[in-house]
Amino acid sequence: MGLKAIEIYKKAKSLGRHFDVVLLDLTIREGMGGQEAIQALLKIDPAVKAIAMSGYIESPVILEPGRHGFKAALEKPFDAGKLQEILALVMDGAPGDKAAP
């Protein structure tokens, strides 16, 4: 799914459109995960706002998303309230690493 996300993002950008936020799961079976995808997205758009998602709560990316190119992280499972909270923080551009346990 990471490759597809990159393709869609690149196409939208070339058409003058943008995504407010991108949600990337870190682990994709038999595919590109979020950690690899964010590196490609940052090359396309250094201002991309991406949120990492994972059930592996001890992952360095979940613990410090900013060090890995993400604006925030969500630990799975999460509910709509946590998602809304993190989306609001990222879209408002609040500085620093943000995580929602």
PDB file of N, CA and C in Angstrom:
ATOM      1  N   MET A   1       0.813  -1.201   0.000  1.00  0.00           N
ATOM      2  CA  MET A   1       0.000   0.000   0.000  1.00  0.00           C
ATOM      3  C   MET A   1       0.856   1.264   0.000  1.00  0.00           C
ATOM      4  N   GLY A   2       2.066   1.195   0.504  1.00  0.00           N
ATOM      5  CA  GLY A   2       2.927   2.369   0.535  1.00  0.00           C
ATOM      6  C   GLY A   2       3.200   2.911  -0.856  1.00  0.00           C
ATOM      7  N   LEU A   3       3.479   2.004  -1.797  1.00  0.00           N
ATOM      8  CA  LEU A   3       3.742   2.446  -3.164  1.00  0.00           C
ATOM      9  C   LEU A   3       2.521   3.130  -3.763  1.00  0.00           C
ATOM     10  N   LYS A   4       1.346   2.609  -3.487  1.00  0.00           N
ATOM     11  CA  LYS A   4       0.111   3.201  -3.995  1.00  0.00           C
ATOM     12  C   LYS A   4      -0.107   4.587  -3.381  1.00  0.00           C
ATOM     13  N   ALA A   5       0.160   4.725  -2.092  1.00  0.00           N
ATOM     14  CA  ALA A   5       0.017   6.018  -1.423  1.00  0.00           C
ATOM     15  C   ALA A   5       0.943   7.058  -2.052  1.00  0.00           C
ATOM     16  N   ILE A   6       2.169   6.653  -2.344  1.00  0.00           N
ATOM     17  CA  ILE A   6       3.133   7.560  -2.966  1.00  0.00           C
ATOM     18  C   ILE A   6       2.648   7.981  -4.347  1.00  0.00           C
ATOM     19  N   GLU A   7       2.170   7.022  -5.114  1.00  0.00           N
ATOM     20  CA  GLU A   7       1.665   7.294  -6.463  1.00  0.00           C
ATOM     21  C   GLU A   7       0.492   8.284  -6.418  1.00  0.00           C
ATOM     22  N   ILE A   8      -0.446   8.050  -5.534  1.00  0.00           N
ATOM     23  CA  ILE A   8      -1.623   8.917  -5.409  1.00  0.00           C
ATOM     24  C   ILE A   8      -1.209  10.313  -4.955  1.00  0.00           C
ATOM     25  N   TYR A   9      -0.313  10.389  -3.991  1.00  0.00           N
ATOM     26  CA  TYR A   9       0.148  11.677  -3.476  1.00  0.00           C
ATOM     27  C   TYR A   9       0.854  12.465  -4.578  1.00  0.00           C
ATOM     28  N   LYS A  10       1.739  11.793  -5.302  1.00  0.00           N
ATOM     29  CA  LYS A  10       2.490  12.436  -6.376  1.00  0.00           C
ATOM     30  C   LYS A  10       1.547  12.964  -7.467  1.00  0.00           C
ATOM     31  N   LYS A  11       0.555  12.164  -7.842  1.00  0.00           N
ATOM     32  CA  LYS A  11      -0.395  12.577  -8.874  1.00  0.00           C
ATOM     33  C   LYS A  11      -1.204  13.785  -8.409  1.00  0.00           C
ATOM     34  N   ALA A  12      -1.691  13.745  -7.178  1.00  0.00           N
ATOM     35  CA  ALA A  12      -2.466  14.869  -6.651  1.00  0.00           C
ATOM     36  C   ALA A  12      -1.641  16.148  -6.641  1.00  0.00           C
ATOM     37  N   LYS A  13      -0.404  16.042  -6.220  1.00  0.00           N
ATOM     38  CA  LYS A  13       0.481  17.217  -6.170  1.00  0.00           C
ATOM     39  C   LYS A  13       0.711  17.779  -7.564  1.00  0.00           C
ATOM     40  N   SER A  14       0.889  16.906  -8.558  1.00  0.00           N
ATOM     41  CA  SER A  14       1.122  17.367  -9.926  1.00  0.00           C
ATOM     42  C   SER A  14      -0.110  18.077 -10.497  1.00  0.00           C
ATOM     43  N   LEU A  15      -1.286  17.774  -9.952  1.00  0.00           N
ATOM     44  CA  LEU A  15      -2.525  18.416 -10.384  1.00  0.00           C
ATOM     45  C   LEU A  15      -2.866  19.648  -9.546  1.00  0.00           C
ATOM     46  N   GLY A  16      -1.956  20.020  -8.654  1.00  0.00           N
ATOM     47  CA  GLY A  16      -2.176  21.186  -7.813  1.00  0.00           C
ATOM     48  C   GLY A  16      -3.092  20.930  -6.632  1.00  0.00           C
ATOM     49  N   ARG A  17      -3.307  19.689  -6.320  1.00  0.00           N
ATOM     50  CA  ARG A  17      -4.126  19.313  -5.170  1.00  0.00           C
ATOM     51  C   ARG A  17      -3.213  18.843  -4.054  1.00  0.00           C
ATOM     52  N   HIS A  18      -3.751  18.787  -2.860  1.00  0.00           N
ATOM     53  CA  HIS A  18      -2.932  18.282  -1.755  1.00  0.00           C
ATOM     54  C   HIS A  18      -3.808  17.554  -0.743  1.00  0.00           C
ATOM     55  N   PHE A  19      -3.153  16.768   0.067  1.00  0.00           N
ATOM     56  CA  PHE A  19      -3.810  16.091   1.172  1.00  0.00           C
ATOM     57  C   PHE A  19      -3.511  16.868   2.437  1.00  0.00           C
ATOM     58  N   ASP A  20      -4.510  17.031   3.291  1.00  0.00           N
ATOM     59  CA  ASP A  20      -4.284  17.718   4.562  1.00  0.00           C
ATOM     60  C   ASP A  20      -3.401  16.888   5.472  1.00  0.00           C
ATOM     61  N   VAL A  21      -3.660  15.580   5.520  1.00  0.00           N
ATOM     62  CA  VAL A  21      -2.936  14.657   6.387  1.00  0.00           C
ATOM     63  C   VAL A  21      -2.892  13.295   5.712  1.00  0.00           C
ATOM     64  N   VAL A  22      -1.789  12.590   5.921  1.00  0.00           N
ATOM     65  CA  VAL A  22      -1.642  11.230   5.411  1.00  0.00           C
ATOM     66  C   VAL A  22      -1.479  10.303   6.609  1.00  0.00           C
ATOM     67  N   LEU A  23      -2.246   9.208   6.632  1.00  0.00           N
ATOM     68  CA  LEU A  23      -2.132   8.194   7.679  1.00  0.00           C
ATOM     69  C   LEU A  23      -1.399   6.996   7.099  1.00  0.00           C
ATOM     70  N   LEU A  24      -0.313   6.583   7.744  1.00  0.00           N
ATOM     71  CA  LEU A  24       0.491   5.469   7.248  1.00  0.00           C
ATOM     72  C   LEU A  24       0.685   4.415   8.331  1.00  0.00           C
ATOM     73  N   ASP A  25       0.296   3.187   8.018  1.00  0.00           N
ATOM     74  CA  ASP A  25       0.544   2.069   8.922  1.00  0.00           C
ATOM     75  C   ASP A  25       2.005   1.656   8.743  1.00  0.00           C
ATOM     76  N   LEU A  26       2.688   1.432   9.835  1.00  0.00           N
ATOM     77  CA  LEU A  26       4.106   1.092   9.757  1.00  0.00           C
ATOM     78  C   LEU A  26       4.366  -0.302   9.225  1.00  0.00           C
ATOM     79  N   THR A  27       3.428  -1.218   9.450  1.00  0.00           N
ATOM     80  CA  THR A  27       3.647  -2.603   9.041  1.00  0.00           C
ATOM     81  C   THR A  27       2.619  -3.003   7.998  1.00  0.00           C
ATOM     82  N   ILE A  28       3.112  -3.293   6.799  1.00  0.00           N
ATOM     83  CA  ILE A  28       2.263  -3.768   5.705  1.00  0.00           C
ATOM     84  C   ILE A  28       2.846  -5.108   5.244  1.00  0.00           C
ATOM     85  N   ARG A  29       2.082  -6.148   5.394  1.00  0.00           N
ATOM     86  CA  ARG A  29       2.565  -7.463   4.960  1.00  0.00           C
ATOM     87  C   ARG A  29       2.802  -7.457   3.460  1.00  0.00           C
ATOM     88  N   GLU A  30       3.949  -7.948   3.084  1.00  0.00           N
ATOM     89  CA  GLU A  30       4.318  -8.085   1.676  1.00  0.00           C
ATOM     90  C   GLU A  30       4.187  -6.774   0.914  1.00  0.00           C
ATOM     91  N   GLY A  31       4.536  -5.674   1.558  1.00  0.00           N
ATOM     92  CA  GLY A  31       4.464  -4.383   0.888  1.00  0.00           C
ATOM     93  C   GLY A  31       5.279  -3.347   1.632  1.00  0.00           C
ATOM     94  N   MET A  32       5.276  -2.145   1.093  1.00  0.00           N
ATOM     95  CA  MET A  32       6.012  -1.042   1.697  1.00  0.00           C
ATOM     96  C   MET A  32       5.233  -0.487   2.878  1.00  0.00           C
ATOM     97  N   GLY A  33       5.869  -0.416   4.015  1.00  0.00           N
ATOM     98  CA  GLY A  33       5.251   0.127   5.211  1.00  0.00           C
ATOM     99  C   GLY A  33       5.424   1.629   5.300  1.00  0.00           C
ATOM    100  N   GLY A  34       4.845   2.186   6.329  1.00  0.00           N
ATOM    101  CA  GLY A  34       4.839   3.620   6.510  1.00  0.00           C
ATOM    102  C   GLY A  34       6.191   4.269   6.679  1.00  0.00           C
ATOM    103  N   GLN A  35       7.128   3.579   7.307  1.00  0.00           N
ATOM    104  CA  GLN A  35       8.446   4.170   7.533  1.00  0.00           C
ATOM    105  C   GLN A  35       9.178   4.393   6.211  1.00  0.00           C
ATOM    106  N   GLU A  36       9.049   3.465   5.294  1.00  0.00           N
ATOM    107  CA  GLU A  36       9.647   3.639   3.974  1.00  0.00           C
ATOM    108  C   GLU A  36       8.862   4.657   3.155  1.00  0.00           C
ATOM    109  N   ALA A  37       7.545   4.593   3.249  1.00  0.00           N
ATOM    110  CA  ALA A  37       6.697   5.493   2.464  1.00  0.00           C
ATOM    111  C   ALA A  37       6.908   6.950   2.847  1.00  0.00           C
ATOM    112  N   ILE A  38       7.077   7.240   4.138  1.00  0.00           N
ATOM    113  CA  ILE A  38       7.251   8.641   4.537  1.00  0.00           C
ATOM    114  C   ILE A  38       8.529   9.224   3.945  1.00  0.00           C
ATOM    115  N   GLN A  39       9.567   8.421   3.825  1.00  0.00           N
ATOM    116  CA  GLN A  39      10.812   8.930   3.241  1.00  0.00           C
ATOM    117  C   GLN A  39      10.597   9.356   1.789  1.00  0.00           C
ATOM    118  N   ALA A  40       9.846   8.565   1.036  1.00  0.00           N
ATOM    119  CA  ALA A  40       9.541   8.914  -0.353  1.00  0.00           C
ATOM    120  C   ALA A  40       8.624  10.137  -0.410  1.00  0.00           C
ATOM    121  N   LEU A  41       7.635  10.201   0.463  1.00  0.00           N
ATOM    122  CA  LEU A  41       6.724  11.341   0.466  1.00  0.00           C
ATOM    123  C   LEU A  41       7.447  12.640   0.821  1.00  0.00           C
ATOM    124  N   LEU A  42       8.390  12.571   1.740  1.00  0.00           N
ATOM    125  CA  LEU A  42       9.155  13.765   2.112  1.00  0.00           C
ATOM    126  C   LEU A  42       9.997  14.285   0.946  1.00  0.00           C
ATOM    127  N   LYS A  43      10.436  13.409   0.074  1.00  0.00           N
ATOM    128  CA  LYS A  43      11.176  13.844  -1.115  1.00  0.00           C
ATOM    129  C   LYS A  43      10.250  14.554  -2.096  1.00  0.00           C
ATOM    130  N   ILE A  44       9.018  14.098  -2.176  1.00  0.00           N
ATOM    131  CA  ILE A  44       8.029  14.716  -3.056  1.00  0.00           C
ATOM    132  C   ILE A  44       7.547  16.043  -2.468  1.00  0.00           C
ATOM    133  N   ASP A  45       7.344  16.046  -1.152  1.00  0.00           N
ATOM    134  CA  ASP A  45       6.792  17.215  -0.465  1.00  0.00           C
ATOM    135  C   ASP A  45       7.330  17.278   0.963  1.00  0.00           C
ATOM    136  N   PRO A  46       8.373  18.081   1.185  1.00  0.00           N
ATOM    137  CA  PRO A  46       8.955  18.176   2.527  1.00  0.00           C
ATOM    138  C   PRO A  46       7.977  18.666   3.601  1.00  0.00           C
ATOM    139  N   ALA A  47       6.847  19.238   3.181  1.00  0.00           N
ATOM    140  CA  ALA A  47       5.865  19.744   4.137  1.00  0.00           C
ATOM    141  C   ALA A  47       4.734  18.756   4.409  1.00  0.00           C
ATOM    142  N   VAL A  48       4.845  17.521   3.912  1.00  0.00           N
ATOM    143  CA  VAL A  48       3.782  16.534   4.114  1.00  0.00           C
ATOM    144  C   VAL A  48       3.510  16.347   5.601  1.00  0.00           C
ATOM    145  N   LYS A  49       2.234  16.281   5.927  1.00  0.00           N
ATOM    146  CA  LYS A  49       1.816  16.017   7.312  1.00  0.00           C
ATOM    147  C   LYS A  49       1.366  14.569   7.368  1.00  0.00           C
ATOM    148  N   ALA A  50       2.151  13.746   8.037  1.00  0.00           N
ATOM    149  CA  ALA A  50       1.855  12.315   8.101  1.00  0.00           C
ATOM    150  C   ALA A  50       1.782  11.842   9.551  1.00  0.00           C
ATOM    151  N   ILE A  51       0.875  10.907   9.768  1.00  0.00           N
ATOM    152  CA  ILE A  51       0.695  10.288  11.079  1.00  0.00           C
ATOM    153  C   ILE A  51       1.014   8.807  10.936  1.00  0.00           C
ATOM    154  N   ALA A  52       1.899   8.313  11.794  1.00  0.00           N
ATOM    155  CA  ALA A  52       2.253   6.893  11.814  1.00  0.00           C
ATOM    156  C   ALA A  52       1.243   6.146  12.681  1.00  0.00           C
ATOM    157  N   MET A  53       0.904   4.928  12.252  1.00  0.00           N
ATOM    158  CA  MET A  53       0.006   4.074  13.036  1.00  0.00           C
ATOM    159  C   MET A  53       0.668   2.717  13.214  1.00  0.00           C
ATOM    160  N   SER A  54       0.549   2.158  14.421  1.00  0.00           N
ATOM    161  CA  SER A  54       1.098   0.827  14.653  1.00  0.00           C
ATOM    162  C   SER A  54       0.547   0.233  15.940  1.00  0.00           C
ATOM    163  N   GLY A  55       0.480  -1.075  15.949  1.00  0.00           N
ATOM    164  CA  GLY A  55       0.145  -1.807  17.167  1.00  0.00           C
ATOM    165  C   GLY A  55       1.387  -2.126  17.981  1.00  0.00           C
ATOM    166  N   TYR A  56       2.545  -1.866  17.396  1.00  0.00           N
ATOM    167  CA  TYR A  56       3.821  -2.105  18.079  1.00  0.00           C
ATOM    168  C   TYR A  56       4.191  -0.828  18.821  1.00  0.00           C
ATOM    169  N   ILE A  57       3.696  -0.704  20.043  1.00  0.00           N
ATOM    170  CA  ILE A  57       3.819   0.558  20.775  1.00  0.00           C
ATOM    171  C   ILE A  57       5.238   0.885  21.224  1.00  0.00           C
ATOM    172  N   GLU A  58       6.137  -0.074  21.174  1.00  0.00           N
ATOM    173  CA  GLU A  58       7.528   0.182  21.537  1.00  0.00           C
ATOM    174  C   GLU A  58       8.371   0.561  20.316  1.00  0.00           C
ATOM    175  N   SER A  59       7.745   0.677  19.167  1.00  0.00           N
ATOM    176  CA  SER A  59       8.456   1.068  17.954  1.00  0.00           C
ATOM    177  C   SER A  59       9.059   2.457  18.138  1.00  0.00           C
ATOM    178  N   PRO A  60      10.323   2.644  17.742  1.00  0.00           N
ATOM    179  CA  PRO A  60      10.930   3.971  17.835  1.00  0.00           C
ATOM    180  C   PRO A  60      10.133   5.036  17.087  1.00  0.00           C
ATOM    181  N   VAL A  61       9.475   4.657  16.010  1.00  0.00           N
ATOM    182  CA  VAL A  61       8.683   5.621  15.235  1.00  0.00           C
ATOM    183  C   VAL A  61       7.467   6.069  16.038  1.00  0.00           C
ATOM    184  N   ILE A  62       6.833   5.159  16.756  1.00  0.00           N
ATOM    185  CA  ILE A  62       5.671   5.509  17.571  1.00  0.00           C
ATOM    186  C   ILE A  62       6.107   6.337  18.778  1.00  0.00           C
ATOM    187  N   LEU A  63       7.241   6.011  19.348  1.00  0.00           N
ATOM    188  CA  LEU A  63       7.729   6.740  20.518  1.00  0.00           C
ATOM    189  C   LEU A  63       8.214   8.143  20.186  1.00  0.00           C
ATOM    190  N   GLU A  64       8.828   8.319  19.012  1.00  0.00           N
ATOM    191  CA  GLU A  64       9.346   9.621  18.600  1.00  0.00           C
ATOM    192  C   GLU A  64       9.067   9.850  17.111  1.00  0.00           C
ATOM    193  N   PRO A  65       7.820  10.091  16.762  1.00  0.00           N
ATOM    194  CA  PRO A  65       7.471  10.205  15.351  1.00  0.00           C
ATOM    195  C   PRO A  65       8.211  11.320  14.618  1.00  0.00           C
ATOM    196  N   GLY A  66       8.466  12.410  15.274  1.00  0.00           N
ATOM    197  CA  GLY A  66       9.147  13.545  14.639  1.00  0.00           C
ATOM    198  C   GLY A  66      10.547  13.215  14.147  1.00  0.00           C
ATOM    199  N   ARG A  67      11.225  12.337  14.838  1.00  0.00           N
ATOM    200  CA  ARG A  67      12.580  11.942  14.430  1.00  0.00           C
ATOM    201  C   ARG A  67      12.568  11.099  13.162  1.00  0.00           C
ATOM    202  N   HIS A  68      11.391  10.620  12.765  1.00  0.00           N
ATOM    203  CA  HIS A  68      11.273   9.723  11.617  1.00  0.00           C
ATOM    204  C   HIS A  68      10.457  10.323  10.483  1.00  0.00           C
ATOM    205  N   GLY A  69      10.195  11.625  10.558  1.00  0.00           N
ATOM    206  CA  GLY A  69       9.503  12.317   9.479  1.00  0.00           C
ATOM    207  C   GLY A  69       8.009  12.454   9.642  1.00  0.00           C
ATOM    208  N   PHE A  70       7.466  11.936  10.736  1.00  0.00           N
ATOM    209  CA  PHE A  70       6.031  12.017  10.982  1.00  0.00           C
ATOM    210  C   PHE A  70       5.720  13.203  11.891  1.00  0.00           C
ATOM    211  N   LYS A  71       4.505  13.696  11.801  1.00  0.00           N
ATOM    212  CA  LYS A  71       4.061  14.785  12.679  1.00  0.00           C
ATOM    213  C   LYS A  71       3.476  14.255  13.978  1.00  0.00           C
ATOM    214  N   ALA A  72       3.014  12.997  13.961  1.00  0.00           N
ATOM    215  CA  ALA A  72       2.396  12.399  15.138  1.00  0.00           C
ATOM    216  C   ALA A  72       2.294  10.890  14.951  1.00  0.00           C
ATOM    217  N   ALA A  73       1.841  10.214  16.007  1.00  0.00           N
ATOM    218  CA  ALA A  73       1.684   8.760  15.953  1.00  0.00           C
ATOM    219  C   ALA A  73       0.419   8.346  16.693  1.00  0.00           C
ATOM    220  N   LEU A  74      -0.168   7.274  16.210  1.00  0.00           N
ATOM    221  CA  LEU A  74      -1.329   6.665  16.856  1.00  0.00           C
ATOM    222  C   LEU A  74      -1.009   5.216  17.162  1.00  0.00           C
ATOM    223  N   GLU A  75      -1.252   4.824  18.405  1.00  0.00           N
ATOM    224  CA  GLU A  75      -1.092   3.418  18.786  1.00  0.00           C
ATOM    225  C   GLU A  75      -2.399   2.697  18.488  1.00  0.00           C
ATOM    226  N   LYS A  76      -2.297   1.554  17.814  1.00  0.00           N
ATOM    227  CA  LYS A  76      -3.495   0.752  17.533  1.00  0.00           C
ATOM    228  C   LYS A  76      -3.711  -0.245  18.662  1.00  0.00           C
ATOM    229  N   PRO A  77      -4.933  -0.550  18.992  1.00  0.00           N
ATOM    230  CA  PRO A  77      -6.139   0.031  18.403  1.00  0.00           C
ATOM    231  C   PRO A  77      -6.399   1.424  18.981  1.00  0.00           C
ATOM    232  N   PHE A  78      -7.041   2.259  18.195  1.00  0.00           N
ATOM    233  CA  PHE A  78      -7.437   3.580  18.659  1.00  0.00           C
ATOM    234  C   PHE A  78      -8.904   3.785  18.305  1.00  0.00           C
ATOM    235  N   ASP A  79      -9.508   4.749  18.987  1.00  0.00           N
ATOM    236  CA  ASP A  79     -10.912   5.028  18.708  1.00  0.00           C
ATOM    237  C   ASP A  79     -11.036   6.338  17.940  1.00  0.00           C
ATOM    238  N   ALA A  80     -12.248   6.646  17.539  1.00  0.00           N
ATOM    239  CA  ALA A  80     -12.485   7.855  16.747  1.00  0.00           C
ATOM    240  C   ALA A  80     -12.075   9.114  17.505  1.00  0.00           C
ATOM    241  N   GLY A  81     -12.238   9.104  18.814  1.00  0.00           N
ATOM    242  CA  GLY A  81     -11.854  10.265  19.618  1.00  0.00           C
ATOM    243  C   GLY A  81     -10.357  10.538  19.561  1.00  0.00           C
ATOM    244  N   LYS A  82      -9.554   9.490  19.681  1.00  0.00           N
ATOM    245  CA  LYS A  82      -8.089   9.646  19.606  1.00  0.00           C
ATOM    246  C   LYS A  82      -7.669  10.104  18.212  1.00  0.00           C
ATOM    247  N   LEU A  83      -8.300   9.522  17.201  1.00  0.00           N
ATOM    248  CA  LEU A  83      -7.990   9.925  15.828  1.00  0.00           C
ATOM    249  C   LEU A  83      -8.322  11.404  15.622  1.00  0.00           C
ATOM    250  N   GLN A  84      -9.477  11.815  16.079  1.00  0.00           N
ATOM    251  CA  GLN A  84      -9.885  13.207  15.941  1.00  0.00           C
ATOM    252  C   GLN A  84      -8.917  14.141  16.672  1.00  0.00           C
ATOM    253  N   GLU A  85      -8.488  13.742  17.859  1.00  0.00           N
ATOM    254  CA  GLU A  85      -7.562  14.547  18.660  1.00  0.00           C
ATOM    255  C   GLU A  85      -6.227  14.747  17.926  1.00  0.00           C
ATOM    256  N   ILE A  86      -5.671  13.668  17.408  1.00  0.00           N
ATOM    257  CA  ILE A  86      -4.383  13.740  16.716  1.00  0.00           C
ATOM    258  C   ILE A  86      -4.520  14.498  15.397  1.00  0.00           C
ATOM    259  N   LEU A  87      -5.606  14.263  14.672  1.00  0.00           N
ATOM    260  CA  LEU A  87      -5.820  15.003  13.424  1.00  0.00           C
ATOM    261  C   LEU A  87      -5.884  16.503  13.689  1.00  0.00           C
ATOM    262  N   ALA A  88      -6.585  16.896  14.731  1.00  0.00           N
ATOM    263  CA  ALA A  88      -6.689  18.318  15.068  1.00  0.00           C
ATOM    264  C   ALA A  88      -5.324  18.906  15.402  1.00  0.00           C
ATOM    265  N   LEU A  89      -4.528  18.185  16.185  1.00  0.00           N
ATOM    266  CA  LEU A  89      -3.188  18.674  16.537  1.00  0.00           C
ATOM    267  C   LEU A  89      -2.302  18.828  15.302  1.00  0.00           C
ATOM    268  N   VAL A  90      -2.320  17.840  14.447  1.00  0.00           N
ATOM    269  CA  VAL A  90      -1.469  17.865  13.256  1.00  0.00           C
ATOM    270  C   VAL A  90      -1.929  18.947  12.282  1.00  0.00           C
ATOM    271  N   MET A  91      -3.209  19.060  12.081  1.00  0.00           N
ATOM    272  CA  MET A  91      -3.718  20.049  11.140  1.00  0.00           C
ATOM    273  C   MET A  91      -3.525  21.471  11.645  1.00  0.00           C
ATOM    274  N   ASP A  92      -3.539  21.647  12.968  1.00  0.00           N
ATOM    275  CA  ASP A  92      -3.290  22.965  13.545  1.00  0.00           C
ATOM    276  C   ASP A  92      -1.808  23.300  13.563  1.00  0.00           C
ATOM    277  N   GLY A  93      -0.969  22.302  13.293  1.00  0.00           N
ATOM    278  CA  GLY A  93       0.461  22.530  13.226  1.00  0.00           C
ATOM    279  C   GLY A  93       1.145  22.687  14.561  1.00  0.00           C
ATOM    280  N   ALA A  94       0.572  22.127  15.620  1.00  0.00           N
ATOM    281  CA  ALA A  94       1.204  22.208  16.939  1.00  0.00           C
ATOM    282  C   ALA A  94       2.577  21.539  16.879  1.00  0.00           C
ATOM    283  N   PRO A  95       3.617  22.185  17.409  1.00  0.00           N
ATOM    284  CA  PRO A  95       4.971  21.636  17.335  1.00  0.00           C
ATOM    285  C   PRO A  95       5.188  20.441  18.249  1.00  0.00           C
ATOM    286  N   GLY A  96       6.192  19.627  17.895  1.00  0.00           N
ATOM    287  CA  GLY A  96       6.611  18.521  18.751  1.00  0.00           C
ATOM    288  C   GLY A  96       5.999  17.197  18.380  1.00  0.00           C
ATOM    289  N   ASP A  97       6.564  16.144  18.967  1.00  0.00           N
ATOM    290  CA  ASP A  97       6.042  14.796  18.751  1.00  0.00           C
ATOM    291  C   ASP A  97       4.743  14.636  19.505  1.00  0.00           C
ATOM    292  N   LYS A  98       3.785  14.022  18.830  1.00  0.00           N
ATOM    293  CA  LYS A  98       2.492  13.788  19.440  1.00  0.00           C
ATOM    294  C   LYS A  98       2.154  12.317  19.307  1.00  0.00           C
ATOM    295  N   ALA A  99       1.681  11.730  20.360  1.00  0.00           N
ATOM    296  CA  ALA A  99       1.265  10.329  20.311  1.00  0.00           C
ATOM    297  C   ALA A  99      -0.026  10.174  21.076  1.00  0.00           C
ATOM    298  N   ALA A 100      -0.827   9.261  20.632  1.00  0.00           N
ATOM    299  CA  ALA A 100      -2.088   8.974  21.324  1.00  0.00           C
ATOM    300  C   ALA A 100      -2.110   7.507  21.726  1.00  0.00           C
ATOM    301  N   PRO A 101      -1.951   7.237  23.005  1.00  0.00           N
ATOM    302  CA  PRO A 101      -1.988   5.830  23.458  1.00  0.00           C
ATOM    303  C   PRO A 101      -3.391   5.261  23.386  1.00  0.00           C
TER     304      PRO A 101
END
